[in-house]
Amino acid sequence: MIRLLLRLYPRRWRDRYGAELGDLVTQLVADGRPRHRIVADLVRGAADAHLHSGVAMLRSYRFAAGIGMLYGLAVGAILAVVFYLSNITFATTKDTDGLNVLVGWLAVLGVLGLAGWQAGRRPSGRYAPLVAGALAGLLVGASIVATFAVLDTVYVDIIGRQEQKIAALAAAGGDDMRTFLHRQVVQMAYGLIPALTVIGAGLGAVGGLLARSAMPIRR
């Protein structure tokens, strides 16, 4: 009966305190404490443990969401500036991206993993790192789409002179450049945002595992 009541406690709580509580209950029984009082105390204690565990988990997920929003919006703002400078201020008709794009994407992926690592430094919330990475990825993707939606609308005359845009327009069958650019933004929204959300979730989970593996084991 007592063993079954101990299983009412959260698993994380049992792993940390279960042995001590079991010894305490055994001692109380040996001392003649009424069993109904022991049962009542155990049930009350289990309810309290679940309550505190739930509050801690909620705080962990709120923290993870805050981290995801902070990292996602910060990266999105930086990318908006980079895209403006590269496509408008220092625009060229030739495609000169190459290595810069690769380095930029690696940096973005690293930030998504870092968001999960930051969220994983808190002990509660098993999926908190995944949430942080997924939200960061979603906001980065949304920021990229929003940036290009604005640039392609306001600066269509500049962006429309890029060689790769002209070639892509010709391959697509020859709509006017503004319509073509808007259609590309819509396609980007359908592909990039879900992809970065999923990738962010995966990298966030990996970052969380790395953070938790480095945390000292509590006894």
N, C-alpha and C. Protein backbone atom coordinates (compact mmCIF):
# COMPACT_ATOMS: atom_id res chain seq x y z
N MET A 1 0.83 -1.20 0.00
CA MET A 1 0.00 0.00 0.00
C MET A 1 0.87 1.26 0.00
N ILE A 2 1.86 1.29 0.88
CA ILE A 2 2.73 2.46 0.98
C ILE A 2 3.52 2.64 -0.31
N ARG A 3 4.01 1.54 -0.89
CA ARG A 3 4.77 1.62 -2.15
C ARG A 3 3.93 2.20 -3.27
N LEU A 4 2.66 1.82 -3.31
CA LEU A 4 1.76 2.35 -4.33
C LEU A 4 1.55 3.85 -4.13
N LEU A 5 1.43 4.27 -2.90
CA LEU A 5 1.24 5.70 -2.64
C LEU A 5 2.48 6.50 -3.02
N LEU A 6 3.64 5.93 -2.82
CA LEU A 6 4.86 6.64 -3.21
C LEU A 6 4.92 6.88 -4.71
N ARG A 7 4.27 6.02 -5.49
CA ARG A 7 4.26 6.18 -6.94
C ARG A 7 3.34 7.33 -7.38
N LEU A 8 2.59 7.87 -6.46
CA LEU A 8 1.78 9.04 -6.79
C LEU A 8 2.64 10.29 -7.01
N TYR A 9 3.85 10.27 -6.47
CA TYR A 9 4.73 11.43 -6.60
C TYR A 9 5.31 11.50 -8.02
N PRO A 10 5.64 12.70 -8.50
CA PRO A 10 6.26 12.83 -9.83
C PRO A 10 7.54 12.03 -9.92
N ARG A 11 7.82 11.52 -11.10
CA ARG A 11 8.98 10.64 -11.26
C ARG A 11 10.27 11.36 -10.89
N ARG A 12 10.43 12.61 -11.33
CA ARG A 12 11.64 13.35 -11.01
C ARG A 12 11.80 13.50 -9.49
N TRP A 13 10.68 13.72 -8.82
CA TRP A 13 10.70 13.85 -7.36
C TRP A 13 11.07 12.52 -6.73
N ARG A 14 10.49 11.40 -7.24
CA ARG A 14 10.80 10.08 -6.67
C ARG A 14 12.27 9.75 -6.85
N ASP A 15 12.83 10.09 -8.02
CA ASP A 15 14.24 9.78 -8.26
C ASP A 15 15.14 10.50 -7.27
N ARG A 16 14.72 11.68 -6.86
CA ARG A 16 15.58 12.48 -5.98
C ARG A 16 15.34 12.21 -4.50
N TYR A 17 14.04 12.05 -4.15
CA TYR A 17 13.71 11.94 -2.73
C TYR A 17 13.04 10.62 -2.34
N GLY A 18 12.79 9.76 -3.28
CA GLY A 18 12.00 8.56 -3.01
C GLY A 18 12.58 7.67 -1.93
N ALA A 19 13.88 7.45 -2.00
CA ALA A 19 14.52 6.57 -1.02
C ALA A 19 14.42 7.16 0.39
N GLU A 20 14.64 8.45 0.50
CA GLU A 20 14.56 9.09 1.81
C GLU A 20 13.14 9.01 2.38
N LEU A 21 12.14 9.28 1.50
CA LEU A 21 10.77 9.23 1.97
C LEU A 21 10.38 7.81 2.37
N GLY A 22 10.84 6.83 1.61
CA GLY A 22 10.55 5.44 1.95
C GLY A 22 11.10 5.07 3.31
N ASP A 23 12.34 5.51 3.57
CA ASP A 23 12.94 5.25 4.89
C ASP A 23 12.15 5.94 5.99
N LEU A 24 11.69 7.17 5.72
CA LEU A 24 10.93 7.91 6.72
C LEU A 24 9.61 7.21 7.04
N VAL A 25 8.92 6.76 6.00
CA VAL A 25 7.64 6.08 6.21
C VAL A 25 7.85 4.79 7.00
N THR A 26 8.90 4.06 6.66
CA THR A 26 9.21 2.82 7.39
C THR A 26 9.43 3.11 8.87
N GLN A 27 10.14 4.20 9.15
CA GLN A 27 10.41 4.57 10.54
C GLN A 27 9.12 4.98 11.26
N LEU A 28 8.24 5.70 10.53
CA LEU A 28 6.97 6.12 11.15
C LEU A 28 6.10 4.92 11.48
N VAL A 29 6.08 3.95 10.60
CA VAL A 29 5.30 2.73 10.86
C VAL A 29 5.87 2.00 12.07
N ALA A 30 7.21 1.90 12.12
CA ALA A 30 7.85 1.22 13.24
C ALA A 30 7.59 1.94 14.57
N ASP A 31 7.44 3.27 14.50
CA ASP A 31 7.17 4.05 15.70
C ASP A 31 5.71 4.01 16.11
N GLY A 32 4.86 3.34 15.32
CA GLY A 32 3.46 3.19 15.67
C GLY A 32 2.56 4.32 15.21
N ARG A 33 3.02 5.12 14.28
CA ARG A 33 2.14 6.20 13.78
C ARG A 33 0.96 5.57 13.05
N PRO A 34 -0.26 6.05 13.27
CA PRO A 34 -1.44 5.47 12.62
C PRO A 34 -1.30 5.48 11.09
N ARG A 35 -1.67 4.35 10.49
CA ARG A 35 -1.50 4.23 9.04
C ARG A 35 -2.36 5.23 8.27
N HIS A 36 -3.56 5.51 8.79
CA HIS A 36 -4.42 6.42 8.04
C HIS A 36 -3.81 7.83 7.98
N ARG A 37 -3.07 8.19 9.02
CA ARG A 37 -2.42 9.50 9.01
C ARG A 37 -1.23 9.50 8.03
N ILE A 38 -0.53 8.37 7.98
CA ILE A 38 0.58 8.25 7.02
C ILE A 38 0.06 8.36 5.60
N VAL A 39 -1.06 7.63 5.33
CA VAL A 39 -1.67 7.66 3.99
C VAL A 39 -2.10 9.08 3.64
N ALA A 40 -2.75 9.76 4.57
CA ALA A 40 -3.22 11.13 4.32
C ALA A 40 -2.04 12.06 4.05
N ASP A 41 -0.97 11.91 4.80
CA ASP A 41 0.21 12.76 4.60
C ASP A 41 0.86 12.50 3.23
N LEU A 42 0.90 11.22 2.84
CA LEU A 42 1.51 10.88 1.55
C LEU A 42 0.69 11.44 0.38
N VAL A 43 -0.64 11.31 0.48
CA VAL A 43 -1.50 11.82 -0.58
C VAL A 43 -1.38 13.34 -0.67
N ARG A 44 -1.38 13.99 0.48
CA ARG A 44 -1.25 15.44 0.51
C ARG A 44 0.11 15.87 -0.04
N GLY A 45 1.14 15.14 0.34
CA GLY A 45 2.48 15.47 -0.14
C GLY A 45 2.61 15.26 -1.65
N ALA A 46 1.97 14.20 -2.19
CA ALA A 46 2.02 13.94 -3.63
C ALA A 46 1.34 15.07 -4.40
N ALA A 47 0.20 15.53 -3.89
CA ALA A 47 -0.52 16.64 -4.54
C ALA A 47 0.34 17.89 -4.54
N ASP A 48 0.99 18.15 -3.43
CA ASP A 48 1.84 19.34 -3.33
C ASP A 48 3.05 19.23 -4.27
N ALA A 49 3.62 18.04 -4.38
CA ALA A 49 4.77 17.84 -5.27
C ALA A 49 4.38 18.05 -6.72
N HIS A 50 3.20 17.56 -7.11
CA HIS A 50 2.74 17.75 -8.49
C HIS A 50 2.47 19.23 -8.76
N LEU A 51 1.91 19.91 -7.77
CA LEU A 51 1.62 21.33 -7.95
C LEU A 51 2.90 22.12 -8.18
N HIS A 52 3.89 21.89 -7.33
CA HIS A 52 5.15 22.62 -7.48
C HIS A 52 5.88 22.22 -8.75
N SER A 53 5.79 20.94 -9.11
CA SER A 53 6.41 20.49 -10.35
C SER A 53 5.76 21.15 -11.56
N GLY A 54 4.43 21.26 -11.52
CA GLY A 54 3.72 21.89 -12.62
C GLY A 54 4.05 23.37 -12.75
N VAL A 55 4.17 24.06 -11.63
CA VAL A 55 4.52 25.48 -11.65
C VAL A 55 5.93 25.67 -12.21
N ALA A 56 6.86 24.82 -11.76
CA ALA A 56 8.23 24.91 -12.25
C ALA A 56 8.30 24.63 -13.74
N MET A 57 7.51 23.66 -14.21
CA MET A 57 7.51 23.32 -15.64
C MET A 57 6.93 24.47 -16.46
N LEU A 58 5.86 25.07 -15.95
CA LEU A 58 5.26 26.20 -16.66
C LEU A 58 6.25 27.34 -16.79
N ARG A 59 6.96 27.63 -15.71
CA ARG A 59 7.98 28.68 -15.76
C ARG A 59 9.07 28.34 -16.76
N SER A 60 9.43 27.06 -16.81
CA SER A 60 10.47 26.63 -17.75
C SER A 60 10.04 26.86 -19.19
N TYR A 61 8.79 26.52 -19.51
CA TYR A 61 8.31 26.71 -20.89
C TYR A 61 8.14 28.19 -21.21
N ARG A 62 7.73 28.99 -20.23
CA ARG A 62 7.65 30.43 -20.47
C ARG A 62 9.04 31.00 -20.72
N PHE A 63 10.01 30.54 -19.97
CA PHE A 63 11.39 30.97 -20.18
C PHE A 63 11.88 30.56 -21.56
N ALA A 64 11.55 29.32 -21.97
CA ALA A 64 11.96 28.83 -23.28
C ALA A 64 11.32 29.65 -24.39
N ALA A 65 10.04 29.98 -24.24
CA ALA A 65 9.37 30.81 -25.24
C ALA A 65 10.00 32.19 -25.33
N GLY A 66 10.37 32.75 -24.17
CA GLY A 66 11.03 34.05 -24.17
C GLY A 66 12.38 34.00 -24.87
N ILE A 67 13.14 32.94 -24.61
CA ILE A 67 14.44 32.76 -25.26
C ILE A 67 14.25 32.63 -26.77
N GLY A 68 13.27 31.81 -27.18
CA GLY A 68 13.02 31.62 -28.61
C GLY A 68 12.65 32.92 -29.29
N MET A 69 11.79 33.71 -28.65
CA MET A 69 11.38 34.99 -29.23
C MET A 69 12.57 35.95 -29.31
N LEU A 70 13.36 36.01 -28.25
CA LEU A 70 14.50 36.92 -28.22
C LEU A 70 15.49 36.58 -29.33
N TYR A 71 15.87 35.31 -29.41
CA TYR A 71 16.86 34.90 -30.41
C TYR A 71 16.29 35.05 -31.81
N GLY A 72 15.03 34.63 -32.01
CA GLY A 72 14.43 34.69 -33.34
C GLY A 72 14.29 36.11 -33.84
N LEU A 73 13.80 37.02 -33.00
CA LEU A 73 13.62 38.41 -33.42
C LEU A 73 14.96 39.11 -33.63
N ALA A 74 15.95 38.80 -32.78
CA ALA A 74 17.26 39.42 -32.92
C ALA A 74 17.91 39.00 -34.24
N VAL A 75 17.87 37.70 -34.53
CA VAL A 75 18.46 37.21 -35.78
C VAL A 75 17.68 37.75 -36.98
N GLY A 76 16.36 37.79 -36.87
CA GLY A 76 15.54 38.33 -37.95
C GLY A 76 15.88 39.78 -38.24
N ALA A 77 16.10 40.59 -37.19
CA ALA A 77 16.45 42.00 -37.38
C ALA A 77 17.82 42.14 -38.05
N ILE A 78 18.77 41.32 -37.62
CA ILE A 78 20.11 41.36 -38.23
C ILE A 78 20.04 40.97 -39.70
N LEU A 79 19.30 39.92 -40.00
CA LEU A 79 19.18 39.48 -41.39
C LEU A 79 18.49 40.52 -42.25
N ALA A 80 17.51 41.22 -41.69
CA ALA A 80 16.82 42.27 -42.45
C ALA A 80 17.81 43.35 -42.87
N VAL A 81 18.70 43.74 -41.97
CA VAL A 81 19.72 44.74 -42.30
C VAL A 81 20.67 44.21 -43.36
N VAL A 82 21.10 42.96 -43.18
CA VAL A 82 22.03 42.35 -44.14
C VAL A 82 21.39 42.27 -45.53
N PHE A 83 20.14 41.83 -45.60
CA PHE A 83 19.46 41.72 -46.89
C PHE A 83 19.29 43.09 -47.55
N TYR A 84 19.00 44.09 -46.75
CA TYR A 84 18.84 45.44 -47.30
C TYR A 84 20.17 45.94 -47.88
N LEU A 85 21.23 45.75 -47.11
CA LEU A 85 22.53 46.23 -47.58
C LEU A 85 22.99 45.49 -48.83
N SER A 86 22.82 44.16 -48.83
CA SER A 86 23.32 43.37 -49.95
C SER A 86 22.46 43.49 -51.20
N ASN A 87 21.16 43.69 -51.03
CA ASN A 87 20.26 43.73 -52.18
C ASN A 87 19.91 45.14 -52.65
N ILE A 88 20.09 46.13 -51.78
CA ILE A 88 19.69 47.49 -52.14
C ILE A 88 20.88 48.45 -52.09
N THR A 89 21.46 48.66 -50.90
CA THR A 89 22.53 49.64 -50.76
C THR A 89 23.75 49.30 -51.61
N PHE A 90 24.19 48.04 -51.55
CA PHE A 90 25.36 47.62 -52.32
C PHE A 90 24.94 46.61 -53.40
N ALA A 91 23.83 46.88 -54.03
CA ALA A 91 23.27 45.94 -55.01
C ALA A 91 24.16 45.85 -56.25
N THR A 92 24.26 44.64 -56.78
CA THR A 92 24.93 44.40 -58.05
C THR A 92 24.01 43.58 -58.94
N THR A 93 24.27 43.59 -60.21
CA THR A 93 23.43 42.81 -61.13
C THR A 93 23.84 41.35 -61.14
N LYS A 94 25.03 41.04 -60.64
CA LYS A 94 25.52 39.67 -60.64
C LYS A 94 25.26 39.01 -59.30
N ASP A 95 25.20 37.67 -59.30
CA ASP A 95 25.01 36.89 -58.07
C ASP A 95 26.37 36.69 -57.43
N THR A 96 26.65 37.40 -56.35
CA THR A 96 27.96 37.33 -55.68
C THR A 96 27.85 36.75 -54.27
N ASP A 97 26.77 36.02 -54.01
CA ASP A 97 26.54 35.52 -52.65
C ASP A 97 27.55 34.42 -52.28
N GLY A 98 27.33 33.23 -52.79
CA GLY A 98 28.26 32.13 -52.59
C GLY A 98 28.55 31.81 -51.15
N LEU A 99 29.83 31.97 -50.75
CA LEU A 99 30.29 31.60 -49.42
C LEU A 99 29.59 32.40 -48.33
N ASN A 100 29.29 33.66 -48.61
CA ASN A 100 28.63 34.49 -47.59
C ASN A 100 27.29 33.90 -47.17
N VAL A 101 26.54 33.39 -48.14
CA VAL A 101 25.24 32.79 -47.84
C VAL A 101 25.41 31.55 -46.98
N LEU A 102 26.39 30.71 -47.34
CA LEU A 102 26.65 29.48 -46.58
C LEU A 102 27.02 29.81 -45.13
N VAL A 103 27.92 30.77 -44.95
CA VAL A 103 28.34 31.16 -43.60
C VAL A 103 27.14 31.73 -42.82
N GLY A 104 26.32 32.52 -43.51
CA GLY A 104 25.15 33.10 -42.86
C GLY A 104 24.18 32.05 -42.38
N TRP A 105 23.91 31.06 -43.22
CA TRP A 105 22.98 30.00 -42.82
C TRP A 105 23.54 29.15 -41.69
N LEU A 106 24.85 28.90 -41.71
CA LEU A 106 25.46 28.14 -40.60
C LEU A 106 25.33 28.92 -39.30
N ALA A 107 25.48 30.24 -39.38
CA ALA A 107 25.33 31.07 -38.18
C ALA A 107 23.90 31.01 -37.66
N VAL A 108 22.91 31.06 -38.58
CA VAL A 108 21.51 30.99 -38.17
C VAL A 108 21.22 29.65 -37.49
N LEU A 109 21.70 28.56 -38.08
CA LEU A 109 21.48 27.24 -37.48
C LEU A 109 22.15 27.14 -36.11
N GLY A 110 23.32 27.76 -35.99
CA GLY A 110 23.99 27.76 -34.70
C GLY A 110 23.19 28.49 -33.64
N VAL A 111 22.55 29.59 -34.02
CA VAL A 111 21.73 30.34 -33.07
C VAL A 111 20.52 29.52 -32.63
N LEU A 112 19.92 28.76 -33.55
CA LEU A 112 18.78 27.92 -33.18
C LEU A 112 19.19 26.88 -32.14
N GLY A 113 20.35 26.29 -32.34
CA GLY A 113 20.85 25.34 -31.34
C GLY A 113 21.18 26.02 -30.03
N LEU A 114 21.71 27.25 -30.11
CA LEU A 114 22.04 28.01 -28.90
C LEU A 114 20.79 28.34 -28.09
N ALA A 115 19.68 28.61 -28.78
CA ALA A 115 18.42 28.87 -28.06
C ALA A 115 18.01 27.65 -27.24
N GLY A 116 18.13 26.47 -27.84
CA GLY A 116 17.81 25.25 -27.10
C GLY A 116 18.77 25.01 -25.95
N TRP A 117 20.04 25.32 -26.17
CA TRP A 117 21.03 25.15 -25.09
C TRP A 117 20.70 26.06 -23.92
N GLN A 118 20.32 27.32 -24.22
CA GLN A 118 19.99 28.26 -23.16
C GLN A 118 18.76 27.80 -22.39
N ALA A 119 17.74 27.32 -23.10
CA ALA A 119 16.53 26.82 -22.43
C ALA A 119 16.81 25.56 -21.64
N GLY A 120 17.73 24.74 -22.11
CA GLY A 120 18.05 23.48 -21.44
C GLY A 120 18.84 23.62 -20.17
N ARG A 121 19.31 24.82 -19.88
CA ARG A 121 20.08 25.02 -18.65
C ARG A 121 19.19 25.01 -17.42
N ARG A 122 17.84 25.08 -17.63
CA ARG A 122 16.91 24.95 -16.51
C ARG A 122 16.50 23.49 -16.40
N PRO A 123 16.42 22.96 -15.19
CA PRO A 123 16.17 21.52 -15.02
C PRO A 123 14.77 21.07 -15.38
N SER A 124 13.75 21.95 -15.31
CA SER A 124 12.37 21.54 -15.55
C SER A 124 12.01 21.73 -17.02
N GLY A 125 10.95 21.08 -17.46
CA GLY A 125 10.47 21.26 -18.83
C GLY A 125 11.26 20.42 -19.81
N ARG A 126 10.86 19.18 -19.96
CA ARG A 126 11.60 18.25 -20.80
C ARG A 126 11.72 18.74 -22.24
N TYR A 127 10.66 19.33 -22.76
CA TYR A 127 10.64 19.75 -24.15
C TYR A 127 10.88 21.26 -24.31
N ALA A 128 11.30 21.93 -23.26
CA ALA A 128 11.52 23.37 -23.33
C ALA A 128 12.58 23.74 -24.38
N PRO A 129 13.71 23.04 -24.49
CA PRO A 129 14.69 23.39 -25.52
C PRO A 129 14.12 23.26 -26.93
N LEU A 130 13.29 22.24 -27.14
CA LEU A 130 12.66 22.07 -28.45
C LEU A 130 11.76 23.26 -28.76
N VAL A 131 11.00 23.70 -27.76
CA VAL A 131 10.11 24.85 -27.93
C VAL A 131 10.91 26.10 -28.27
N ALA A 132 12.01 26.32 -27.56
CA ALA A 132 12.83 27.51 -27.80
C ALA A 132 13.39 27.51 -29.21
N GLY A 133 13.93 26.38 -29.64
CA GLY A 133 14.49 26.30 -30.98
C GLY A 133 13.44 26.43 -32.07
N ALA A 134 12.29 25.79 -31.86
CA ALA A 134 11.22 25.86 -32.85
C ALA A 134 10.69 27.28 -33.00
N LEU A 135 10.48 27.96 -31.88
CA LEU A 135 9.96 29.33 -31.94
C LEU A 135 10.99 30.27 -32.57
N ALA A 136 12.26 30.09 -32.23
CA ALA A 136 13.30 30.91 -32.85
C ALA A 136 13.34 30.69 -34.35
N GLY A 137 13.26 29.43 -34.78
CA GLY A 137 13.26 29.12 -36.21
C GLY A 137 12.06 29.71 -36.93
N LEU A 138 10.90 29.60 -36.30
CA LEU A 138 9.68 30.16 -36.90
C LEU A 138 9.81 31.67 -37.10
N LEU A 139 10.31 32.38 -36.08
CA LEU A 139 10.42 33.83 -36.17
C LEU A 139 11.50 34.25 -37.16
N VAL A 140 12.58 33.49 -37.24
CA VAL A 140 13.61 33.80 -38.23
C VAL A 140 13.03 33.65 -39.64
N GLY A 141 12.33 32.54 -39.87
CA GLY A 141 11.72 32.32 -41.17
C GLY A 141 10.71 33.40 -41.52
N ALA A 142 9.86 33.75 -40.56
CA ALA A 142 8.86 34.79 -40.79
C ALA A 142 9.52 36.14 -41.06
N SER A 143 10.62 36.42 -40.36
CA SER A 143 11.32 37.70 -40.56
C SER A 143 11.93 37.76 -41.96
N ILE A 144 12.50 36.65 -42.41
CA ILE A 144 13.08 36.63 -43.76
C ILE A 144 12.00 36.86 -44.81
N VAL A 145 10.89 36.17 -44.66
CA VAL A 145 9.79 36.34 -45.62
C VAL A 145 9.28 37.78 -45.61
N ALA A 146 9.08 38.33 -44.42
CA ALA A 146 8.58 39.71 -44.31
C ALA A 146 9.56 40.70 -44.93
N THR A 147 10.87 40.48 -44.71
CA THR A 147 11.88 41.38 -45.26
C THR A 147 11.84 41.39 -46.79
N PHE A 148 11.79 40.20 -47.37
CA PHE A 148 11.77 40.13 -48.84
C PHE A 148 10.45 40.61 -49.41
N ALA A 149 9.36 40.44 -48.66
CA ALA A 149 8.08 40.97 -49.12
C ALA A 149 8.15 42.49 -49.25
N VAL A 150 8.80 43.14 -48.28
CA VAL A 150 8.94 44.60 -48.31
C VAL A 150 9.92 45.02 -49.40
N LEU A 151 11.09 44.38 -49.45
CA LEU A 151 12.10 44.76 -50.44
C LEU A 151 11.60 44.57 -51.87
N ASP A 152 10.93 43.44 -52.11
CA ASP A 152 10.45 43.15 -53.47
C ASP A 152 9.32 44.07 -53.89
N THR A 153 8.64 44.68 -52.92
CA THR A 153 7.56 45.62 -53.24
C THR A 153 8.08 47.04 -53.42
N VAL A 154 8.94 47.46 -52.49
CA VAL A 154 9.41 48.85 -52.51
C VAL A 154 10.55 49.06 -53.51
N TYR A 155 11.43 48.05 -53.65
CA TYR A 155 12.62 48.21 -54.48
C TYR A 155 12.62 47.23 -55.66
N VAL A 156 11.47 47.02 -56.24
CA VAL A 156 11.38 46.05 -57.33
C VAL A 156 12.26 46.45 -58.51
N ASP A 157 12.46 47.74 -58.76
CA ASP A 157 13.29 48.17 -59.88
C ASP A 157 14.75 47.81 -59.68
N ILE A 158 15.21 47.83 -58.42
CA ILE A 158 16.60 47.46 -58.14
C ILE A 158 16.77 45.95 -58.17
N ILE A 159 15.92 45.24 -57.43
CA ILE A 159 16.03 43.78 -57.35
C ILE A 159 15.76 43.14 -58.70
N GLY A 160 14.89 43.74 -59.50
CA GLY A 160 14.55 43.18 -60.80
C GLY A 160 15.67 43.23 -61.81
N ARG A 161 16.77 43.94 -61.49
CA ARG A 161 17.92 43.99 -62.40
C ARG A 161 18.95 42.90 -62.12
N GLN A 162 18.73 42.11 -61.05
CA GLN A 162 19.67 41.03 -60.74
C GLN A 162 19.59 39.92 -61.79
N GLU A 163 20.74 39.44 -62.21
CA GLU A 163 20.78 38.46 -63.29
C GLU A 163 19.99 37.21 -62.96
N GLN A 164 20.10 36.73 -61.71
CA GLN A 164 19.40 35.49 -61.36
C GLN A 164 17.89 35.69 -61.36
N LYS A 165 17.43 36.90 -61.02
CA LYS A 165 16.00 37.18 -61.05
C LYS A 165 15.49 37.22 -62.48
N ILE A 166 16.27 37.83 -63.37
CA ILE A 166 15.87 37.91 -64.77
C ILE A 166 15.81 36.52 -65.39
N ALA A 167 16.81 35.69 -65.07
CA ALA A 167 16.84 34.33 -65.61
C ALA A 167 15.68 33.50 -65.06
N ALA A 168 15.40 33.65 -63.78
CA ALA A 168 14.30 32.88 -63.17
C ALA A 168 12.96 33.33 -63.75
N LEU A 169 12.81 34.63 -63.99
CA LEU A 169 11.57 35.13 -64.58
C LEU A 169 11.37 34.57 -65.98
N ALA A 170 12.44 34.53 -66.75
CA ALA A 170 12.34 33.99 -68.11
C ALA A 170 11.99 32.50 -68.07
N ALA A 171 12.59 31.76 -67.14
CA ALA A 171 12.30 30.33 -67.03
C ALA A 171 10.88 30.06 -66.57
N ALA A 172 10.31 31.02 -65.81
CA ALA A 172 8.95 30.84 -65.30
C ALA A 172 7.87 31.15 -66.32
N GLY A 173 8.25 31.72 -67.44
CA GLY A 173 7.25 31.96 -68.48
C GLY A 173 6.95 33.41 -68.75
N GLY A 174 7.60 34.34 -68.06
CA GLY A 174 7.52 35.73 -68.44
C GLY A 174 6.41 36.57 -67.85
N ASP A 175 6.03 36.41 -66.58
CA ASP A 175 5.16 37.38 -65.92
C ASP A 175 5.92 38.70 -65.75
N ASP A 176 5.24 39.73 -65.34
CA ASP A 176 5.98 40.96 -65.00
C ASP A 176 6.76 40.70 -63.72
N MET A 177 7.85 41.44 -63.54
CA MET A 177 8.80 41.18 -62.45
C MET A 177 8.14 41.30 -61.08
N ARG A 178 7.29 42.28 -60.86
CA ARG A 178 6.67 42.47 -59.55
C ARG A 178 5.82 41.25 -59.17
N THR A 179 5.01 40.76 -60.10
CA THR A 179 4.17 39.59 -59.83
C THR A 179 5.04 38.37 -59.56
N PHE A 180 6.11 38.23 -60.34
CA PHE A 180 7.02 37.10 -60.17
C PHE A 180 7.66 37.13 -58.79
N LEU A 181 8.14 38.30 -58.35
CA LEU A 181 8.79 38.41 -57.04
C LEU A 181 7.80 38.12 -55.91
N HIS A 182 6.57 38.59 -56.05
CA HIS A 182 5.56 38.32 -55.02
C HIS A 182 5.25 36.83 -54.94
N ARG A 183 5.22 36.17 -56.10
CA ARG A 183 4.97 34.74 -56.08
C ARG A 183 6.12 33.99 -55.42
N GLN A 184 7.34 34.47 -55.62
CA GLN A 184 8.48 33.84 -54.95
C GLN A 184 8.40 33.99 -53.44
N VAL A 185 7.94 35.14 -52.98
CA VAL A 185 7.81 35.37 -51.53
C VAL A 185 6.78 34.41 -50.94
N VAL A 186 5.66 34.21 -51.65
CA VAL A 186 4.63 33.29 -51.16
C VAL A 186 5.19 31.87 -51.08
N GLN A 187 5.92 31.46 -52.12
CA GLN A 187 6.53 30.13 -52.10
C GLN A 187 7.54 30.00 -50.97
N MET A 188 8.28 31.07 -50.73
CA MET A 188 9.24 31.08 -49.62
C MET A 188 8.53 30.90 -48.29
N ALA A 189 7.40 31.57 -48.12
CA ALA A 189 6.65 31.48 -46.87
C ALA A 189 6.19 30.05 -46.62
N TYR A 190 5.69 29.38 -47.65
CA TYR A 190 5.20 28.01 -47.49
C TYR A 190 6.32 27.02 -47.23
N GLY A 191 7.52 27.30 -47.73
CA GLY A 191 8.62 26.35 -47.56
C GLY A 191 9.56 26.68 -46.42
N LEU A 192 9.97 27.95 -46.34
CA LEU A 192 11.02 28.32 -45.39
C LEU A 192 10.55 28.32 -43.94
N ILE A 193 9.38 28.88 -43.69
CA ILE A 193 8.92 28.99 -42.30
C ILE A 193 8.72 27.61 -41.66
N PRO A 194 7.98 26.68 -42.28
CA PRO A 194 7.86 25.35 -41.66
C PRO A 194 9.19 24.64 -41.54
N ALA A 195 10.06 24.80 -42.57
CA ALA A 195 11.35 24.10 -42.53
C ALA A 195 12.21 24.61 -41.37
N LEU A 196 12.29 25.92 -41.20
CA LEU A 196 13.10 26.46 -40.10
C LEU A 196 12.50 26.14 -38.74
N THR A 197 11.16 26.03 -38.69
CA THR A 197 10.53 25.65 -37.42
C THR A 197 10.92 24.24 -37.03
N VAL A 198 10.87 23.33 -37.98
CA VAL A 198 11.22 21.93 -37.71
C VAL A 198 12.71 21.80 -37.42
N ILE A 199 13.54 22.46 -38.24
CA ILE A 199 14.99 22.40 -38.01
C ILE A 199 15.33 23.02 -36.67
N GLY A 200 14.67 24.14 -36.34
CA GLY A 200 14.92 24.77 -35.05
C GLY A 200 14.56 23.87 -33.88
N ALA A 201 13.45 23.13 -34.02
CA ALA A 201 13.05 22.20 -32.97
C ALA A 201 14.12 21.13 -32.77
N GLY A 202 14.62 20.59 -33.88
CA GLY A 202 15.66 19.56 -33.79
C GLY A 202 16.95 20.08 -33.19
N LEU A 203 17.41 21.24 -33.68
CA LEU A 203 18.65 21.81 -33.15
C LEU A 203 18.47 22.27 -31.70
N GLY A 204 17.28 22.77 -31.37
CA GLY A 204 17.01 23.16 -29.99
C GLY A 204 17.08 21.95 -29.07
N ALA A 205 16.53 20.83 -29.52
CA ALA A 205 16.58 19.61 -28.71
C ALA A 205 18.02 19.16 -28.50
N VAL A 206 18.83 19.24 -29.56
CA VAL A 206 20.24 18.86 -29.43
C VAL A 206 20.96 19.80 -28.46
N GLY A 207 20.69 21.11 -28.61
CA GLY A 207 21.30 22.07 -27.70
C GLY A 207 20.90 21.82 -26.26
N GLY A 208 19.62 21.46 -26.05
CA GLY A 208 19.16 21.15 -24.70
C GLY A 208 19.85 19.94 -24.11
N LEU A 209 20.04 18.92 -24.94
CA LEU A 209 20.74 17.72 -24.46
C LEU A 209 22.18 18.04 -24.07
N LEU A 210 22.84 18.88 -24.87
CA LEU A 210 24.22 19.27 -24.54
C LEU A 210 24.27 20.05 -23.24
N ALA A 211 23.29 20.96 -23.06
CA ALA A 211 23.27 21.76 -21.83
C ALA A 211 23.04 20.88 -20.62
N ARG A 212 22.10 19.96 -20.72
CA ARG A 212 21.77 19.13 -19.56
C ARG A 212 22.84 18.10 -19.27
N SER A 213 23.55 17.67 -20.31
CA SER A 213 24.64 16.71 -20.05
C SER A 213 25.79 17.37 -19.31
N ALA A 214 25.88 18.70 -19.44
CA ALA A 214 26.97 19.43 -18.75
C ALA A 214 26.57 19.87 -17.36
N MET A 215 25.29 19.72 -17.01
CA MET A 215 24.83 20.14 -15.69
C MET A 215 25.27 19.14 -14.63
N PRO A 216 25.64 19.61 -13.44
CA PRO A 216 26.01 18.68 -12.36
C PRO A 216 24.80 17.86 -11.92
N ILE A 217 25.03 16.60 -11.60
CA ILE A 217 23.98 15.71 -11.14
C ILE A 217 23.64 16.01 -9.69
N ARG A 218 22.35 16.29 -9.44
CA ARG A 218 21.91 16.58 -8.07
C ARG A 218 21.62 15.29 -7.31
N ARG A 219 22.06 15.25 -6.11
CA ARG A 219 21.82 14.06 -5.29
C ARG A 219 21.04 14.46 -4.05
